[in-house]
Amino acid sequence: MDYGLGFNPLYFVLVIPPLLLGFWAQMKVRGAYAKYTKVPNQRRLTGLDAAKIILGPEGLHDVAIDGVRGELTDHYDPRSKKLGLSAGVAQQPSVAALAIVAHEIGHALQDQQNYAPLKLRGALVPAVRLGSWVGPILFMAGFLLQFTGLAWLGVFAFGLSAIFAIMTLPVEFDASKRGLRLLQTYNLTIGNEVQGAKAVLDAAALTYVAAAIQAVATLLYYVMLIAGRRDD
């Protein structure tokens, strides 16, 4: 049966639930960050302090620390070897700051050790940037014009985004695992603080899970629309 591109049962089953999951995941991570950014760590270490304690002993002497604007914008850039820290993380002595810094340094260690999933994900970035916006356009044009080949090309281009989202999961999970280990190795968290740090990182991980589910569900939606038209 050909439902077309309008609202249809497939849309409500495959697209809406992942979107709602994504919104919920964003609320969870912001809630966890808001909670634990108000909880000071017992050693009164800011995120910047923690980064300076960890980087040298871990052999990450070439990693520079840079400030970035915004909230929850912290990241590690493997191209420039820079650890970007927001003001809320770099300047605050909170449990959340320690968790986020350790996670991003986990990415730096992945880069240093040539962690395969990180390298593969990085190699996909140029194609994903193109496919994420070209793919839906090609799909809709092909579907509306009943040019099946063009629609499938759009599905393939968008499919790279789904692959990227899936490959992000082991990268992020591993970075969190490394980060928690770093916090304990350097005695940065004391007592229940490690549970607080884990809560922040688990909430952040949920956003990546939601993004992967959303990308796969959207891809499946496109495929089923094309398949439904062919069956019709």
Protein backbone atom coordinates (compact mmCIF):
# COMPACT_ATOMS: atom_id res chain seq x y z
CA MET A 1 0.00 0.00 0.00
CA ASP A 2 1.35 3.43 -0.97
CA TYR A 3 0.97 5.87 1.95
CA GLY A 4 2.95 8.69 0.34
CA LEU A 5 5.04 11.19 2.30
CA GLY A 6 2.24 12.53 4.49
CA PHE A 7 1.35 11.43 7.98
CA ASN A 8 0.70 7.72 8.00
CA PRO A 9 0.87 4.74 10.36
CA LEU A 10 4.52 4.11 9.49
CA TYR A 11 5.42 7.63 10.57
CA PHE A 12 3.75 7.29 13.95
CA VAL A 13 5.30 3.87 14.57
CA LEU A 14 8.85 4.47 13.29
CA VAL A 15 9.56 8.19 13.59
CA ILE A 16 7.57 9.70 16.48
CA PRO A 17 8.72 7.31 19.28
CA PRO A 18 12.46 7.84 18.59
CA LEU A 19 11.89 11.60 18.49
CA LEU A 20 10.20 11.46 21.89
CA LEU A 21 13.04 9.29 23.19
CA GLY A 22 15.52 11.89 21.97
CA PHE A 23 13.70 14.71 23.79
CA TRP A 24 13.57 12.63 26.97
CA ALA A 25 17.28 11.80 26.71
CA GLN A 26 18.16 15.47 26.34
CA MET A 27 16.10 16.26 29.44
CA LYS A 28 17.88 13.48 31.34
CA VAL A 29 21.37 14.69 30.49
CA ARG A 30 20.54 18.31 31.27
CA GLY A 31 18.91 17.23 34.52
CA ALA A 32 21.93 15.16 35.57
CA TYR A 33 24.30 17.98 34.63
CA ALA A 34 22.21 20.57 36.51
CA LYS A 35 22.12 18.33 39.58
CA TYR A 36 25.79 17.39 39.78
CA THR A 37 27.17 20.73 38.66
CA LYS A 38 25.79 21.98 42.02
CA VAL A 39 27.56 19.21 43.93
CA PRO A 40 31.16 20.26 44.73
CA ASN A 41 33.79 17.55 44.70
CA GLN A 42 35.61 17.10 47.98
CA ARG A 43 39.02 17.99 46.56
CA ARG A 44 37.61 21.25 45.17
CA LEU A 45 39.13 20.60 41.78
CA THR A 46 37.82 22.45 38.74
CA GLY A 47 37.63 20.73 35.40
CA LEU A 48 40.76 22.58 34.34
CA ASP A 49 42.59 21.38 37.46
CA ALA A 50 41.59 17.79 36.73
CA ALA A 51 42.73 18.04 33.11
CA LYS A 52 46.16 19.30 34.18
CA ILE A 53 46.48 16.46 36.70
CA ILE A 54 45.62 13.75 34.15
CA LEU A 55 47.09 14.83 30.82
CA GLY A 56 50.81 14.75 31.66
CA PRO A 57 50.98 11.39 33.45
CA GLU A 58 48.88 9.83 30.66
CA GLY A 59 51.43 10.94 28.08
CA LEU A 60 49.09 13.45 26.46
CA HIS A 61 51.66 16.26 26.44
CA ASP A 62 50.62 17.43 22.97
CA VAL A 63 46.96 17.99 23.96
CA ALA A 64 46.18 21.69 24.42
CA ILE A 65 43.30 23.00 26.53
CA ASP A 66 41.02 25.57 24.97
CA GLY A 67 37.89 27.38 26.12
CA VAL A 68 34.60 26.97 24.26
CA ARG A 69 31.34 28.84 24.55
CA GLY A 70 28.05 27.38 25.66
CA GLU A 71 26.92 24.62 28.00
CA LEU A 72 27.60 20.91 27.44
CA THR A 73 29.75 21.87 24.46
CA ASP A 74 32.89 20.22 25.84
CA HIS A 75 34.75 18.02 23.36
CA TYR A 76 38.06 16.62 22.20
CA ASP A 77 39.18 17.42 18.64
CA PRO A 78 41.54 14.73 17.30
CA ARG A 79 42.55 16.91 14.35
CA SER A 80 43.89 19.83 16.40
CA LYS A 81 44.67 17.75 19.52
CA LYS A 82 42.66 20.21 21.61
CA LEU A 83 40.49 19.64 24.64
CA GLY A 84 37.65 22.16 24.48
CA LEU A 85 36.15 22.99 27.87
CA SER A 86 33.15 25.19 28.58
CA ALA A 87 33.32 27.73 31.39
CA GLY A 88 30.92 25.71 33.53
CA VAL A 89 33.28 22.74 33.39
CA ALA A 90 36.68 24.43 33.35
CA GLN A 91 35.97 26.84 36.21
CA GLN A 92 33.64 24.93 38.52
CA PRO A 93 34.82 22.43 41.21
CA SER A 94 31.85 20.12 40.68
CA VAL A 95 31.35 16.38 40.30
CA ALA A 96 29.87 17.01 36.85
CA ALA A 97 32.98 18.92 35.76
CA LEU A 98 35.24 16.01 36.75
CA ALA A 99 33.05 13.51 34.88
CA ILE A 100 32.95 15.53 31.67
CA VAL A 101 36.67 16.31 31.63
CA ALA A 102 37.58 12.67 32.28
CA HIS A 103 35.26 11.55 29.48
CA GLU A 104 36.83 13.93 26.97
CA ILE A 105 40.32 12.88 28.02
CA GLY A 106 39.10 9.34 27.40
CA HIS A 107 38.64 10.40 23.77
CA ALA A 108 42.18 11.82 23.74
CA LEU A 109 43.49 8.45 24.94
CA GLN A 110 41.52 6.72 22.20
CA ASP A 111 43.19 9.00 19.67
CA GLN A 112 46.64 8.40 21.18
CA GLN A 113 46.15 4.63 21.05
CA ASN A 114 44.60 4.62 17.55
CA TYR A 115 41.33 3.18 18.85
CA ALA A 116 39.81 1.64 15.71
CA PRO A 117 36.15 2.71 16.17
CA LEU A 118 37.26 6.34 16.68
CA LYS A 119 39.39 6.25 13.53
CA LEU A 120 36.61 4.66 11.47
CA ARG A 121 34.08 7.20 12.72
CA GLY A 122 36.43 10.04 11.90
CA ALA A 123 36.93 8.72 8.37
CA LEU A 124 33.16 8.84 7.82
CA VAL A 125 32.73 12.47 8.88
CA PRO A 126 33.06 14.14 5.41
CA ALA A 127 30.65 11.69 3.77
CA VAL A 128 28.19 11.93 6.67
CA ARG A 129 28.14 15.73 6.57
CA LEU A 130 27.18 15.58 2.91
CA GLY A 131 24.80 12.64 3.14
CA SER A 132 22.89 13.90 6.19
CA TRP A 133 21.41 16.83 4.26
CA VAL A 134 21.65 15.61 0.65
CA GLY A 135 20.15 12.20 1.43
CA PRO A 136 16.66 13.37 2.51
CA ILE A 137 16.50 15.81 -0.41
CA LEU A 138 17.35 13.10 -2.94
CA PHE A 139 14.92 10.71 -1.31
CA MET A 140 12.00 13.14 -1.36
CA ALA A 141 12.74 14.25 -4.92
CA GLY A 142 12.95 10.66 -6.13
CA PHE A 143 9.86 9.59 -4.21
CA LEU A 144 7.69 12.51 -5.37
CA LEU A 145 8.88 12.20 -8.98
CA GLN A 146 8.49 8.41 -8.80
CA PHE A 147 12.15 8.02 -9.74
CA THR A 148 12.96 5.00 -7.61
CA GLY A 149 16.68 5.01 -8.39
CA LEU A 150 17.07 8.56 -7.10
CA ALA A 151 15.07 7.72 -3.98
CA TRP A 152 17.33 4.74 -3.25
CA LEU A 153 20.38 6.97 -3.74
CA GLY A 154 18.96 9.28 -1.08
CA VAL A 155 18.43 6.31 1.23
CA PHE A 156 22.05 5.24 0.73
CA ALA A 157 23.35 8.77 1.42
CA PHE A 158 21.26 9.11 4.57
CA GLY A 159 22.24 5.59 5.58
CA LEU A 160 25.76 6.85 6.22
CA SER A 161 24.34 8.97 9.04
CA ALA A 162 22.76 5.89 10.58
CA ILE A 163 26.06 3.99 10.35
CA PHE A 164 27.85 6.96 11.92
CA ALA A 165 25.34 7.10 14.79
CA ILE A 166 25.78 3.39 15.46
CA MET A 167 29.57 3.62 15.35
CA THR A 168 29.41 6.50 17.83
CA LEU A 169 28.05 4.19 20.54
CA PRO A 170 31.20 2.10 21.23
CA VAL A 171 33.33 5.25 20.99
CA GLU A 172 31.31 7.09 23.62
CA PHE A 173 30.82 4.09 25.91
CA ASP A 174 34.55 3.38 25.85
CA ALA A 175 35.42 7.03 26.56
CA SER A 176 33.14 7.00 29.61
CA LYS A 177 34.69 3.75 30.84
CA ARG A 178 38.17 5.23 30.45
CA GLY A 179 37.05 8.45 32.13
CA LEU A 180 35.68 6.73 35.22
CA ARG A 181 38.90 4.73 35.48
CA LEU A 182 40.94 7.95 35.28
CA LEU A 183 38.93 9.54 38.08
CA GLN A 184 39.67 6.60 40.33
CA THR A 185 43.31 6.20 39.26
CA TYR A 186 44.13 9.80 40.17
CA ASN A 187 41.86 9.87 43.23
CA LEU A 188 39.84 12.74 41.83
CA THR A 189 36.52 11.37 43.09
CA ILE A 190 35.95 10.39 46.70
CA GLY A 191 33.23 8.14 48.09
CA ASN A 192 29.86 8.56 46.38
CA GLU A 193 31.27 11.07 43.91
CA VAL A 194 32.08 8.29 41.46
CA GLN A 195 28.38 7.35 41.41
CA GLY A 196 27.52 10.96 40.65
CA ALA A 197 30.07 11.07 37.84
CA LYS A 198 28.68 7.83 36.45
CA ALA A 199 25.14 9.24 36.55
CA VAL A 200 26.24 12.22 34.43
CA LEU A 201 28.01 9.99 31.89
CA ASP A 202 25.17 7.45 31.74
CA ALA A 203 22.69 10.25 30.99
CA ALA A 204 24.96 11.55 28.23
CA ALA A 205 25.27 8.04 26.77
CA LEU A 206 21.49 7.82 26.54
CA THR A 207 21.48 10.74 24.10
CA TYR A 208 23.76 8.80 21.74
CA VAL A 209 21.57 5.71 22.02
CA ALA A 210 18.51 7.83 21.20
CA ALA A 211 20.28 9.41 18.21
CA ALA A 212 21.21 5.99 16.84
CA ILE A 213 17.66 4.68 17.23
CA GLN A 214 16.28 7.80 15.57
CA ALA A 215 18.65 7.52 12.60
CA VAL A 216 17.95 3.81 12.07
CA ALA A 217 14.17 4.30 12.43
CA THR A 218 14.17 7.15 9.89
CA LEU A 219 16.21 5.04 7.48
CA LEU A 220 13.79 2.14 7.90
CA TYR A 221 10.88 4.52 7.31
CA TYR A 222 12.38 5.63 3.98
CA VAL A 223 13.01 2.03 2.92
CA MET A 224 9.47 0.92 3.79
CA LEU A 225 7.97 3.87 1.89
CA ILE A 226 9.84 2.84 -1.25
CA ALA A 227 9.04 -0.83 -0.74
CA GLY A 228 5.37 -0.01 -0.16
CA ARG A 229 5.16 1.94 -3.39
CA ARG A 230 6.79 -0.90 -5.35
CA ASP A 231 4.41 -3.47 -3.84
CA ASP A 232 1.48 -1.24 -4.67
